[in-house]
N, C-alpha and C. Protein backbone atom coordinates (compact mmCIF):
# COMPACT_ATOMS: atom_id res chain seq x y z
N MET A 1 102.11 64.42 88.38
CA MET A 1 103.03 65.45 88.87
C MET A 1 102.70 66.85 88.32
N PRO A 2 102.37 67.00 87.02
CA PRO A 2 102.03 68.35 86.54
C PRO A 2 100.88 68.98 87.31
N VAL A 3 99.87 68.16 87.63
CA VAL A 3 98.72 68.70 88.36
C VAL A 3 99.13 69.19 89.75
N TRP A 4 99.99 68.43 90.44
CA TRP A 4 100.42 68.82 91.78
C TRP A 4 101.29 70.07 91.76
N VAL A 5 101.92 70.34 90.62
CA VAL A 5 102.73 71.55 90.50
C VAL A 5 101.88 72.74 90.05
N VAL A 6 100.98 72.50 89.10
CA VAL A 6 100.12 73.58 88.60
C VAL A 6 99.23 74.12 89.70
N GLY A 7 98.67 73.23 90.54
CA GLY A 7 97.76 73.66 91.59
C GLY A 7 98.37 74.70 92.54
N PRO A 8 99.46 74.37 93.25
CA PRO A 8 100.07 75.36 94.14
C PRO A 8 100.57 76.61 93.41
N SER A 9 101.08 76.45 92.18
CA SER A 9 101.57 77.60 91.43
C SER A 9 100.44 78.58 91.14
N MET A 10 99.29 78.06 90.70
CA MET A 10 98.16 78.92 90.40
C MET A 10 97.52 79.46 91.67
N ALA A 11 97.63 78.71 92.78
CA ALA A 11 97.17 79.24 94.06
C ALA A 11 98.01 80.46 94.44
N GLY A 12 99.32 80.38 94.19
CA GLY A 12 100.18 81.53 94.43
C GLY A 12 99.81 82.70 93.56
N PHE A 13 99.44 82.42 92.31
CA PHE A 13 99.01 83.51 91.42
C PHE A 13 97.72 84.13 91.92
N GLY A 14 96.78 83.30 92.40
CA GLY A 14 95.53 83.84 92.94
C GLY A 14 95.79 84.77 94.10
N SER A 15 96.74 84.40 94.95
CA SER A 15 97.10 85.26 96.07
C SER A 15 97.70 86.57 95.59
N LEU A 16 98.58 86.47 94.58
CA LEU A 16 99.19 87.68 94.02
C LEU A 16 98.13 88.59 93.41
N ALA A 17 97.16 87.98 92.72
CA ALA A 17 96.09 88.78 92.10
C ALA A 17 95.28 89.54 93.14
N ARG A 18 94.96 88.87 94.24
CA ARG A 18 94.18 89.54 95.28
C ARG A 18 94.96 90.68 95.91
N ASP A 19 96.23 90.44 96.21
CA ASP A 19 97.05 91.48 96.82
C ASP A 19 97.32 92.64 95.86
N SER A 20 97.12 92.39 94.57
CA SER A 20 97.30 93.46 93.57
C SER A 20 96.01 94.24 93.36
N GLY A 21 94.95 93.84 94.04
CA GLY A 21 93.68 94.56 93.92
C GLY A 21 92.80 94.11 92.79
N VAL A 22 93.12 92.95 92.17
CA VAL A 22 92.33 92.44 91.06
C VAL A 22 91.15 91.65 91.60
N SER A 23 90.00 91.73 90.94
CA SER A 23 88.81 91.03 91.39
C SER A 23 88.95 89.52 91.19
N PHE A 24 88.11 88.77 91.89
CA PHE A 24 88.13 87.31 91.79
C PHE A 24 87.84 86.86 90.36
N GLY A 25 86.86 87.46 89.73
CA GLY A 25 86.49 87.07 88.38
C GLY A 25 87.62 87.28 87.38
N VAL A 26 88.28 88.42 87.48
CA VAL A 26 89.39 88.71 86.56
C VAL A 26 90.53 87.73 86.77
N ALA A 27 90.83 87.39 88.02
CA ALA A 27 91.92 86.46 88.31
C ALA A 27 91.63 85.09 87.71
N VAL A 28 90.41 84.59 87.90
CA VAL A 28 90.05 83.27 87.39
C VAL A 28 90.02 83.25 85.87
N VAL A 29 89.43 84.29 85.27
CA VAL A 29 89.34 84.35 83.80
C VAL A 29 90.73 84.45 83.19
N SER A 30 91.64 85.16 83.84
CA SER A 30 92.99 85.29 83.29
C SER A 30 93.69 83.94 83.24
N THR A 31 93.45 83.09 84.24
CA THR A 31 94.03 81.75 84.22
C THR A 31 93.47 80.93 83.07
N ALA A 32 92.16 81.02 82.86
CA ALA A 32 91.51 80.23 81.81
C ALA A 32 91.84 80.73 80.41
N SER A 33 92.11 82.01 80.27
CA SER A 33 92.32 82.59 78.94
C SER A 33 93.79 82.78 78.59
N VAL A 34 94.55 83.40 79.49
CA VAL A 34 95.98 83.63 79.22
C VAL A 34 96.75 82.32 79.33
N TRP A 35 96.53 81.58 80.40
CA TRP A 35 97.09 80.25 80.65
C TRP A 35 98.61 80.22 80.44
N GLY A 36 99.30 80.95 81.27
CA GLY A 36 100.75 81.01 81.26
C GLY A 36 101.18 81.98 82.35
N LEU A 37 101.88 81.50 83.37
CA LEU A 37 102.16 82.34 84.54
C LEU A 37 102.84 83.66 84.21
N PRO A 38 103.90 83.69 83.37
CA PRO A 38 104.51 84.99 83.07
C PRO A 38 103.51 85.97 82.46
N GLY A 39 102.70 85.48 81.52
CA GLY A 39 101.70 86.35 80.91
C GLY A 39 100.62 86.77 81.90
N GLN A 40 100.23 85.86 82.79
CA GLN A 40 99.22 86.19 83.79
C GLN A 40 99.74 87.23 84.79
N VAL A 41 101.00 87.09 85.20
CA VAL A 41 101.57 88.06 86.13
C VAL A 41 101.64 89.43 85.48
N ALA A 42 102.06 89.48 84.20
CA ALA A 42 102.08 90.75 83.47
C ALA A 42 100.68 91.32 83.35
N PHE A 43 99.71 90.46 83.08
CA PHE A 43 98.32 90.89 82.96
C PHE A 43 97.83 91.52 84.25
N VAL A 44 98.05 90.84 85.37
CA VAL A 44 97.56 91.33 86.66
C VAL A 44 98.23 92.65 87.04
N GLU A 45 99.53 92.74 86.86
CA GLU A 45 100.25 93.95 87.26
C GLU A 45 99.78 95.16 86.44
N LEU A 46 99.62 94.96 85.13
CA LEU A 46 99.18 96.08 84.28
C LEU A 46 97.71 96.41 84.50
N PHE A 47 96.90 95.39 84.71
CA PHE A 47 95.48 95.62 84.97
C PHE A 47 95.28 96.39 86.27
N ALA A 48 96.10 96.07 87.27
CA ALA A 48 95.96 96.70 88.58
C ALA A 48 96.27 98.19 88.53
N VAL A 49 97.17 98.60 87.64
CA VAL A 49 97.54 100.01 87.55
C VAL A 49 96.73 100.75 86.50
N GLY A 50 95.76 100.06 85.90
CA GLY A 50 94.90 100.71 84.93
C GLY A 50 95.53 100.95 83.57
N ALA A 51 96.41 100.07 83.15
CA ALA A 51 97.06 100.22 81.85
C ALA A 51 96.05 100.02 80.71
N PRO A 52 96.30 100.60 79.54
CA PRO A 52 95.40 100.42 78.40
C PRO A 52 95.28 98.95 78.02
N VAL A 53 94.14 98.59 77.46
CA VAL A 53 93.89 97.20 77.08
C VAL A 53 94.93 96.72 76.08
N LEU A 54 95.27 97.56 75.12
CA LEU A 54 96.25 97.17 74.11
C LEU A 54 97.60 96.85 74.75
N ALA A 55 98.02 97.65 75.73
CA ALA A 55 99.29 97.41 76.41
C ALA A 55 99.25 96.08 77.17
N ILE A 56 98.10 95.78 77.78
CA ILE A 56 97.96 94.51 78.52
C ILE A 56 98.06 93.33 77.56
N ILE A 57 97.38 93.44 76.42
CA ILE A 57 97.41 92.35 75.43
C ILE A 57 98.81 92.13 74.91
N VAL A 58 99.51 93.20 74.56
CA VAL A 58 100.86 93.09 74.02
C VAL A 58 101.81 92.50 75.06
N ALA A 59 101.73 92.99 76.30
CA ALA A 59 102.64 92.50 77.35
C ALA A 59 102.40 91.03 77.65
N SER A 60 101.14 90.63 77.75
CA SER A 60 100.83 89.22 78.03
C SER A 60 101.27 88.33 76.88
N SER A 61 101.08 88.81 75.66
CA SER A 61 101.48 88.02 74.49
C SER A 61 102.99 87.87 74.42
N MET A 62 103.72 88.95 74.68
CA MET A 62 105.17 88.89 74.64
C MET A 62 105.71 87.97 75.74
N ALA A 63 105.08 88.01 76.92
CA ALA A 63 105.53 87.15 78.02
C ALA A 63 105.34 85.68 77.71
N ASN A 64 104.34 85.38 76.90
CA ASN A 64 104.06 83.98 76.54
C ASN A 64 104.55 83.63 75.13
N MET A 65 105.45 84.43 74.59
CA MET A 65 105.97 84.19 73.25
C MET A 65 106.70 82.85 73.13
N ARG A 66 107.11 82.30 74.27
CA ARG A 66 107.83 81.03 74.24
C ARG A 66 106.99 79.90 73.67
N PHE A 67 105.66 80.08 73.66
CA PHE A 67 104.80 79.02 73.15
C PHE A 67 104.91 78.86 71.63
N LEU A 68 105.43 79.87 70.95
CA LEU A 68 105.56 79.77 69.49
C LEU A 68 106.53 78.66 69.08
N PRO A 69 107.79 78.69 69.52
CA PRO A 69 108.68 77.57 69.15
C PRO A 69 108.23 76.24 69.76
N MET A 70 107.59 76.29 70.93
CA MET A 70 107.11 75.04 71.54
C MET A 70 106.05 74.39 70.67
N SER A 71 105.10 75.19 70.18
CA SER A 71 104.04 74.62 69.35
C SER A 71 104.57 74.13 68.02
N ILE A 72 105.54 74.83 67.47
CA ILE A 72 106.13 74.39 66.20
C ILE A 72 106.83 73.05 66.36
N SER A 73 107.53 72.88 67.49
CA SER A 73 108.24 71.63 67.71
C SER A 73 107.30 70.45 67.95
N MET A 74 106.05 70.72 68.37
CA MET A 74 105.12 69.64 68.64
C MET A 74 104.25 69.28 67.43
N LEU A 75 104.20 70.15 66.44
CA LEU A 75 103.33 69.91 65.29
C LEU A 75 103.62 68.59 64.57
N PRO A 76 104.88 68.19 64.39
CA PRO A 76 105.12 66.91 63.70
C PRO A 76 104.47 65.71 64.37
N LEU A 77 104.28 65.76 65.68
CA LEU A 77 103.65 64.63 66.37
C LEU A 77 102.17 64.50 66.02
N LEU A 78 101.53 65.61 65.65
CA LEU A 78 100.09 65.61 65.41
C LEU A 78 99.73 65.64 63.94
N ARG A 79 100.72 65.82 63.07
CA ARG A 79 100.43 66.03 61.66
C ARG A 79 99.72 64.83 61.02
N SER A 80 100.07 63.62 61.42
CA SER A 80 99.50 62.43 60.79
C SER A 80 98.10 62.10 61.33
N ASP A 81 97.71 62.72 62.44
CA ASP A 81 96.38 62.50 63.01
C ASP A 81 95.45 63.58 62.46
N LYS A 82 94.53 63.21 61.58
CA LYS A 82 93.68 64.20 60.92
C LYS A 82 92.81 64.95 61.93
N GLY A 83 92.31 64.24 62.94
CA GLY A 83 91.48 64.90 63.94
C GLY A 83 92.25 65.93 64.74
N ALA A 84 93.43 65.55 65.21
CA ALA A 84 94.25 66.48 65.99
C ALA A 84 94.73 67.63 65.12
N TRP A 85 95.06 67.35 63.86
CA TRP A 85 95.53 68.40 62.97
C TRP A 85 94.43 69.41 62.67
N ARG A 86 93.20 68.94 62.60
CA ARG A 86 92.06 69.82 62.33
C ARG A 86 91.84 70.80 63.48
N TRP A 87 92.12 70.34 64.70
CA TRP A 87 91.90 71.17 65.88
C TRP A 87 93.21 71.74 66.44
N ARG A 88 94.23 71.84 65.63
CA ARG A 88 95.57 72.23 66.11
C ARG A 88 95.59 73.63 66.74
N TYR A 89 94.78 74.54 66.22
CA TYR A 89 94.78 75.89 66.80
C TYR A 89 94.18 75.90 68.20
N LEU A 90 93.19 75.07 68.42
CA LEU A 90 92.63 74.94 69.76
C LEU A 90 93.61 74.24 70.69
N LEU A 91 94.28 73.21 70.19
CA LEU A 91 95.24 72.48 71.01
C LEU A 91 96.38 73.39 71.46
N VAL A 92 96.80 74.29 70.57
CA VAL A 92 97.87 75.23 70.93
C VAL A 92 97.44 76.12 72.08
N ALA A 93 96.15 76.52 72.08
CA ALA A 93 95.65 77.37 73.16
C ALA A 93 95.63 76.65 74.50
N LEU A 94 95.59 75.32 74.47
CA LEU A 94 95.59 74.53 75.70
C LEU A 94 96.99 74.24 76.21
N MET A 95 98.00 74.55 75.44
CA MET A 95 99.36 74.15 75.75
C MET A 95 99.94 74.88 76.96
N SER A 96 100.72 74.15 77.72
CA SER A 96 101.55 74.73 78.78
C SER A 96 102.90 74.03 78.71
N VAL A 97 103.86 74.52 79.48
CA VAL A 97 105.18 73.89 79.46
C VAL A 97 105.08 72.44 79.92
N ASN A 98 104.22 72.20 80.91
CA ASN A 98 104.05 70.83 81.42
C ASN A 98 103.56 69.88 80.33
N THR A 99 102.44 70.25 79.70
CA THR A 99 101.83 69.37 78.72
C THR A 99 102.70 69.24 77.47
N TRP A 100 103.38 70.31 77.12
CA TRP A 100 104.28 70.26 75.96
C TRP A 100 105.43 69.29 76.20
N ALA A 101 106.06 69.41 77.36
CA ALA A 101 107.22 68.57 77.65
C ALA A 101 106.82 67.09 77.75
N LEU A 102 105.71 66.81 78.42
CA LEU A 102 105.28 65.42 78.57
C LEU A 102 104.85 64.82 77.23
N THR A 103 104.22 65.62 76.39
CA THR A 103 103.79 65.12 75.08
C THR A 103 105.00 64.84 74.20
N LEU A 104 106.01 65.70 74.24
CA LEU A 104 107.21 65.45 73.45
C LEU A 104 107.97 64.22 73.96
N ARG A 105 107.88 64.00 75.27
CA ARG A 105 108.61 62.86 75.85
C ARG A 105 107.92 61.53 75.55
N HIS A 106 106.60 61.49 75.69
CA HIS A 106 105.87 60.23 75.55
C HIS A 106 105.18 60.07 74.19
N GLY A 107 104.97 61.19 73.50
CA GLY A 107 104.25 61.14 72.23
C GLY A 107 104.85 60.22 71.18
N PRO A 108 106.18 60.29 70.94
CA PRO A 108 106.76 59.43 69.91
C PRO A 108 106.56 57.94 70.16
N GLU A 109 106.38 57.54 71.42
CA GLU A 109 106.18 56.13 71.73
C GLU A 109 104.73 55.69 71.58
N MET A 110 103.81 56.64 71.42
CA MET A 110 102.39 56.34 71.33
C MET A 110 101.98 56.06 69.89
N ASP A 111 100.84 55.40 69.76
CA ASP A 111 100.20 55.30 68.45
C ASP A 111 99.77 56.69 68.01
N GLU A 112 99.88 56.97 66.72
CA GLU A 112 99.59 58.31 66.22
C GLU A 112 98.18 58.78 66.58
N ALA A 113 97.23 57.88 66.63
CA ALA A 113 95.85 58.26 66.93
C ALA A 113 95.64 58.59 68.40
N HIS A 114 96.59 58.26 69.26
CA HIS A 114 96.44 58.49 70.70
C HIS A 114 97.12 59.77 71.17
N ARG A 115 97.93 60.37 70.33
CA ARG A 115 98.69 61.55 70.76
C ARG A 115 97.77 62.75 71.02
N GLY A 116 96.85 63.01 70.11
CA GLY A 116 95.93 64.12 70.29
C GLY A 116 95.07 63.98 71.53
N PRO A 117 94.40 62.83 71.73
CA PRO A 117 93.61 62.65 72.95
C PRO A 117 94.44 62.73 74.22
N TYR A 118 95.66 62.22 74.19
CA TYR A 118 96.53 62.30 75.37
C TYR A 118 96.82 63.76 75.72
N PHE A 119 97.21 64.54 74.72
CA PHE A 119 97.52 65.94 74.95
C PHE A 119 96.28 66.71 75.40
N THR A 120 95.15 66.45 74.77
CA THR A 120 93.91 67.16 75.11
C THR A 120 93.47 66.84 76.54
N GLY A 121 93.49 65.56 76.91
CA GLY A 121 93.08 65.18 78.26
C GLY A 121 94.00 65.75 79.32
N LEU A 122 95.30 65.65 79.09
CA LEU A 122 96.28 66.17 80.04
C LEU A 122 96.13 67.68 80.20
N SER A 123 95.99 68.38 79.08
CA SER A 123 95.87 69.84 79.12
C SER A 123 94.59 70.28 79.80
N THR A 124 93.48 69.61 79.50
CA THR A 124 92.20 69.98 80.09
C THR A 124 92.22 69.82 81.61
N ILE A 125 92.79 68.71 82.08
CA ILE A 125 92.88 68.48 83.53
C ILE A 125 93.72 69.58 84.18
N CYS A 126 94.84 69.92 83.58
CA CYS A 126 95.72 70.95 84.15
C CYS A 126 95.02 72.31 84.20
N ILE A 127 94.26 72.65 83.14
CA ILE A 127 93.57 73.94 83.11
C ILE A 127 92.49 73.99 84.18
N VAL A 128 91.70 72.92 84.30
CA VAL A 128 90.64 72.89 85.31
C VAL A 128 91.23 73.03 86.72
N VAL A 129 92.29 72.28 86.98
CA VAL A 129 92.95 72.38 88.29
C VAL A 129 93.52 73.78 88.50
N GLY A 130 94.08 74.37 87.44
CA GLY A 130 94.64 75.71 87.55
C GLY A 130 93.59 76.75 87.86
N VAL A 131 92.44 76.66 87.22
CA VAL A 131 91.36 77.62 87.48
C VAL A 131 90.84 77.48 88.91
N VAL A 132 90.61 76.25 89.34
CA VAL A 132 90.12 76.02 90.71
C VAL A 132 91.16 76.49 91.73
N ALA A 133 92.43 76.18 91.48
CA ALA A 133 93.48 76.58 92.41
C ALA A 133 93.63 78.10 92.47
N THR A 134 93.40 78.77 91.36
CA THR A 134 93.45 80.24 91.37
C THR A 134 92.40 80.81 92.31
N GLY A 135 91.20 80.25 92.24
CA GLY A 135 90.14 80.70 93.13
C GLY A 135 90.45 80.41 94.58
N ILE A 136 91.00 79.22 94.85
CA ILE A 136 91.35 78.86 96.23
C ILE A 136 92.45 79.79 96.75
N GLY A 137 93.48 80.00 95.93
CA GLY A 137 94.56 80.89 96.34
C GLY A 137 94.09 82.31 96.58
N TYR A 138 93.11 82.73 95.79
CA TYR A 138 92.58 84.08 95.95
C TYR A 138 91.97 84.27 97.34
N TYR A 139 91.23 83.27 97.80
CA TYR A 139 90.57 83.38 99.10
C TYR A 139 91.51 83.03 100.25
N LEU A 140 92.56 82.24 99.97
CA LEU A 140 93.52 81.92 101.03
C LEU A 140 94.51 83.06 101.27
N ALA A 141 94.52 84.04 100.37
CA ALA A 141 95.50 85.12 100.49
C ALA A 141 95.38 85.85 101.81
N GLY A 142 94.18 85.88 102.37
CA GLY A 142 94.00 86.60 103.63
C GLY A 142 94.31 85.76 104.85
N THR A 143 94.55 84.46 104.68
CA THR A 143 94.78 83.59 105.83
C THR A 143 96.23 83.14 105.97
N LEU A 144 97.00 83.20 104.89
CA LEU A 144 98.40 82.78 104.92
C LEU A 144 99.30 83.99 104.72
N PRO A 145 100.53 83.95 105.25
CA PRO A 145 101.47 85.05 105.02
C PRO A 145 101.73 85.25 103.53
N PHE A 146 101.88 86.50 103.13
CA PHE A 146 102.04 86.83 101.71
C PHE A 146 103.24 86.12 101.10
N TYR A 147 104.37 86.07 101.80
CA TYR A 147 105.57 85.48 101.21
C TYR A 147 105.43 83.98 101.00
N ILE A 148 104.54 83.33 101.74
CA ILE A 148 104.32 81.89 101.54
C ILE A 148 103.48 81.64 100.29
N THR A 149 102.38 82.37 100.16
CA THR A 149 101.50 82.15 99.02
C THR A 149 102.15 82.55 97.70
N VAL A 150 102.87 83.65 97.69
CA VAL A 150 103.52 84.08 96.45
C VAL A 150 104.67 83.15 96.09
N THR A 151 105.36 82.61 97.09
CA THR A 151 106.47 81.68 96.82
C THR A 151 105.99 80.44 96.07
N LEU A 152 104.71 80.09 96.21
CA LEU A 152 104.18 78.93 95.50
C LEU A 152 104.34 79.05 94.00
N ILE A 153 104.36 80.28 93.49
CA ILE A 153 104.52 80.49 92.05
C ILE A 153 105.81 79.86 91.55
N PHE A 154 106.86 79.89 92.37
CA PHE A 154 108.17 79.41 91.93
C PHE A 154 108.26 77.88 91.92
N LEU A 155 107.25 77.20 92.42
CA LEU A 155 107.24 75.74 92.30
C LEU A 155 107.24 75.31 90.84
N ASN A 156 106.54 76.07 90.02
CA ASN A 156 106.49 75.75 88.59
C ASN A 156 107.88 75.83 87.98
N ILE A 157 108.63 76.86 88.32
CA ILE A 157 109.96 77.03 87.77
C ILE A 157 110.88 75.91 88.22
N MET A 158 110.79 75.53 89.49
CA MET A 158 111.62 74.44 90.00
C MET A 158 111.28 73.13 89.28
N TYR A 159 109.98 72.91 89.05
CA TYR A 159 109.57 71.69 88.36
C TYR A 159 110.11 71.66 86.93
N PHE A 160 110.05 72.81 86.24
CA PHE A 160 110.58 72.87 84.88
C PHE A 160 112.06 72.54 84.86
N THR A 161 112.79 73.07 85.87
CA THR A 161 114.23 72.83 85.91
C THR A 161 114.54 71.35 86.07
N PHE A 162 113.87 70.69 86.99
CA PHE A 162 114.09 69.26 87.18
C PHE A 162 113.66 68.46 85.96
N MET A 163 112.57 68.89 85.32
CA MET A 163 112.05 68.17 84.17
C MET A 163 113.02 68.26 82.99
N PHE A 164 113.54 69.45 82.73
CA PHE A 164 114.47 69.62 81.63
C PHE A 164 115.82 68.99 81.94
N ALA A 165 116.16 68.91 83.23
CA ALA A 165 117.41 68.26 83.60
C ALA A 165 117.36 66.77 83.33
N GLY A 166 116.16 66.22 83.18
CA GLY A 166 116.03 64.80 82.93
C GLY A 166 116.08 64.41 81.46
N VAL A 167 116.18 65.40 80.57
CA VAL A 167 116.25 65.06 79.15
C VAL A 167 117.60 64.46 78.83
N ARG A 168 117.65 63.74 77.71
CA ARG A 168 118.87 63.03 77.35
C ARG A 168 119.66 63.75 76.27
N GLN A 169 119.09 64.80 75.67
CA GLN A 169 119.81 65.51 74.64
C GLN A 169 120.90 66.39 75.25
N ARG A 170 122.10 66.24 74.74
CA ARG A 170 123.23 66.98 75.30
C ARG A 170 123.06 68.49 75.13
N ASN A 171 122.51 68.91 73.99
CA ASN A 171 122.37 70.35 73.78
C ASN A 171 121.41 70.99 74.78
N CYS A 172 120.35 70.24 75.18
CA CYS A 172 119.42 70.76 76.18
C CYS A 172 120.09 70.89 77.55
N LEU A 173 120.88 69.89 77.90
CA LEU A 173 121.59 69.95 79.18
C LEU A 173 122.60 71.09 79.20
N LEU A 174 123.29 71.29 78.09
CA LEU A 174 124.23 72.41 78.01
C LEU A 174 123.52 73.75 78.16
N ALA A 175 122.38 73.89 77.50
CA ALA A 175 121.62 75.14 77.59
C ALA A 175 121.16 75.38 79.02
N LEU A 176 120.74 74.32 79.71
CA LEU A 176 120.28 74.44 81.09
C LEU A 176 121.42 74.87 82.01
N ILE A 177 122.58 74.26 81.85
CA ILE A 177 123.73 74.59 82.70
C ILE A 177 124.21 76.01 82.44
N ILE A 178 124.36 76.37 81.16
CA ILE A 178 124.84 77.72 80.82
C ILE A 178 123.84 78.77 81.30
N GLY A 179 122.55 78.49 81.11
CA GLY A 179 121.53 79.43 81.55
C GLY A 179 121.52 79.61 83.06
N ALA A 180 121.74 78.52 83.80
CA ALA A 180 121.75 78.61 85.26
C ALA A 180 122.92 79.47 85.75
N VAL A 181 124.04 79.42 85.03
CA VAL A 181 125.21 80.21 85.43
C VAL A 181 125.04 81.67 85.03
N LEU A 182 124.57 81.91 83.81
CA LEU A 182 124.48 83.28 83.30
C LEU A 182 123.23 84.02 83.78
N GLY A 183 122.17 83.27 84.15
CA GLY A 183 120.91 83.91 84.52
C GLY A 183 121.04 84.96 85.60
N PRO A 184 121.60 84.63 86.76
CA PRO A 184 121.73 85.64 87.82
C PRO A 184 122.60 86.83 87.40
N LEU A 185 123.65 86.58 86.61
CA LEU A 185 124.51 87.68 86.18
C LEU A 185 123.77 88.64 85.26
N PHE A 186 123.02 88.10 84.31
CA PHE A 186 122.27 88.95 83.40
C PHE A 186 121.17 89.72 84.13
N HIS A 187 120.59 89.10 85.17
CA HIS A 187 119.55 89.79 85.94
C HIS A 187 120.13 90.99 86.68
N LEU A 188 121.36 90.84 87.19
CA LEU A 188 122.00 91.97 87.86
C LEU A 188 122.31 93.10 86.89
N ILE A 189 122.68 92.72 85.67
CA ILE A 189 123.00 93.74 84.66
C ILE A 189 121.75 94.44 84.18
N SER A 190 120.69 93.66 83.89
CA SER A 190 119.45 94.25 83.38
C SER A 190 118.27 93.41 83.86
N PRO A 191 117.60 93.82 84.95
CA PRO A 191 116.45 93.04 85.45
C PRO A 191 115.33 92.91 84.43
N ASN A 192 115.18 93.90 83.55
CA ASN A 192 114.08 93.87 82.59
C ASN A 192 114.36 93.00 81.38
N TRP A 193 115.64 92.98 80.94
CA TRP A 193 115.98 92.26 79.70
C TRP A 193 116.94 91.11 79.93
N GLY A 194 117.32 90.88 81.18
CA GLY A 194 118.29 89.83 81.46
C GLY A 194 117.82 88.44 81.06
N LEU A 195 116.54 88.13 81.31
CA LEU A 195 116.02 86.79 81.02
C LEU A 195 116.02 86.47 79.52
N PRO A 196 115.45 87.33 78.65
CA PRO A 196 115.49 86.99 77.21
C PRO A 196 116.91 86.95 76.66
N PHE A 197 117.78 87.87 77.09
CA PHE A 197 119.16 87.85 76.62
C PHE A 197 119.86 86.57 77.05
N CYS A 198 119.64 86.17 78.31
CA CYS A 198 120.25 84.93 78.81
C CYS A 198 119.76 83.73 78.02
N GLY A 199 118.46 83.68 77.72
CA GLY A 199 117.91 82.56 76.96
C GLY A 199 118.51 82.45 75.57
N VAL A 200 118.61 83.58 74.90
CA VAL A 200 119.16 83.58 73.54
C VAL A 200 120.63 83.18 73.55
N ILE A 201 121.40 83.77 74.45
CA ILE A 201 122.84 83.51 74.49
C ILE A 201 123.12 82.08 74.95
N ALA A 202 122.42 81.62 76.00
CA ALA A 202 122.66 80.27 76.51
C ALA A 202 122.25 79.22 75.47
N GLY A 203 121.11 79.41 74.83
CA GLY A 203 120.67 78.46 73.81
C GLY A 203 121.59 78.43 72.60
N THR A 204 122.03 79.62 72.17
CA THR A 204 122.94 79.69 71.02
C THR A 204 124.29 79.07 71.35
N ALA A 205 124.81 79.38 72.53
CA ALA A 205 126.10 78.81 72.95
C ALA A 205 126.01 77.30 73.05
N ALA A 206 124.91 76.79 73.61
CA ALA A 206 124.74 75.34 73.74
C ALA A 206 124.68 74.67 72.37
N PHE A 207 124.04 75.32 71.42
CA PHE A 207 123.94 74.75 70.07
C PHE A 207 125.31 74.60 69.43
N PHE A 208 126.12 75.67 69.50
CA PHE A 208 127.44 75.63 68.85
C PHE A 208 128.43 74.75 69.61
N ILE A 209 128.34 74.74 70.93
CA ILE A 209 129.22 73.87 71.71
C ILE A 209 128.91 72.41 71.42
N ASP A 210 127.61 72.09 71.38
CA ASP A 210 127.21 70.71 71.06
C ASP A 210 127.63 70.33 69.65
N LYS A 211 127.51 71.25 68.73
CA LYS A 211 127.92 70.97 67.35
C LYS A 211 129.42 70.79 67.27
N ARG A 212 130.17 71.57 68.02
CA ARG A 212 131.63 71.47 68.02
C ARG A 212 132.11 70.17 68.66
N MET A 213 131.40 69.72 69.70
CA MET A 213 131.78 68.48 70.38
C MET A 213 131.55 67.26 69.49
N GLY A 214 130.45 67.30 68.70
CA GLY A 214 130.18 66.19 67.78
C GLY A 214 129.98 64.89 68.52
N GLY A 215 130.12 63.78 67.83
CA GLY A 215 130.05 62.46 68.44
C GLY A 215 128.65 62.16 68.97
N GLN A 216 128.58 61.39 70.06
CA GLN A 216 127.32 60.94 70.63
C GLN A 216 126.56 62.12 71.25
N ARG A 217 125.25 62.23 70.95
CA ARG A 217 124.46 63.33 71.44
C ARG A 217 123.35 62.85 72.34
C-alpha cells in the first residue's frame, strides 16, 4: 500500500515541478535528496522564484522538521541491533511517514535482527518508486489536466489519515479528531501558521485529555 500511495503522490509532485518551471533533473534529485513532500514543495516553489540557496535549505528543513520526533520515537526499536544502530544516521535519511508508521506498527513483533533490514528494504523500495514516479509525473504534466495531476499529491495525506485512524492508542485518536476539527479553522485564521499551531494545540490537548480520562488506553 505505501508504494501505491507514494507513486501517484510523487507523480503529482513531478507535475507541480514542471508547471513551476523546474527542470527534470532538479525535480528528480529533490525527491531523492529531500524525500518529504512538504519539503519538496517548498524547495520547488523557492527554487522557481530564484530564492537564495540558504533560504531553500532552511525552508525545506523546517517543512520536514516532523522527522525529528519520528526518528527519536523509532530509535528504541533499532538500539539492540548493532548493525542498524551503526547506520542509524543513514536510516533516518531514508525515513518517510509511511515507513516510520509501518515500522512502529510491525517492528515490536519482529526479531530484533530483522527490524533494520525490514525498514531499509521498505524505505529503499519507496524511494525508488518515488523517484521513478516523479519523472513520470513530470512528463505526464503536459498530457493530463493540471488539477488532476496536482490532486494526486493529496493521496498521501488521505493515506496518512486512514493509517493513523487505525492506531489503537487513545491519545493518537484524540489528536487526530481534534486536529481534523481545528485544522480548517486555524487555516482560515492564518494560512501560513495554522498547520503548526493546530498540530501543537491538538497534540497537547489530546495528551491532557487522555491523561485526565485515565483508565484503559
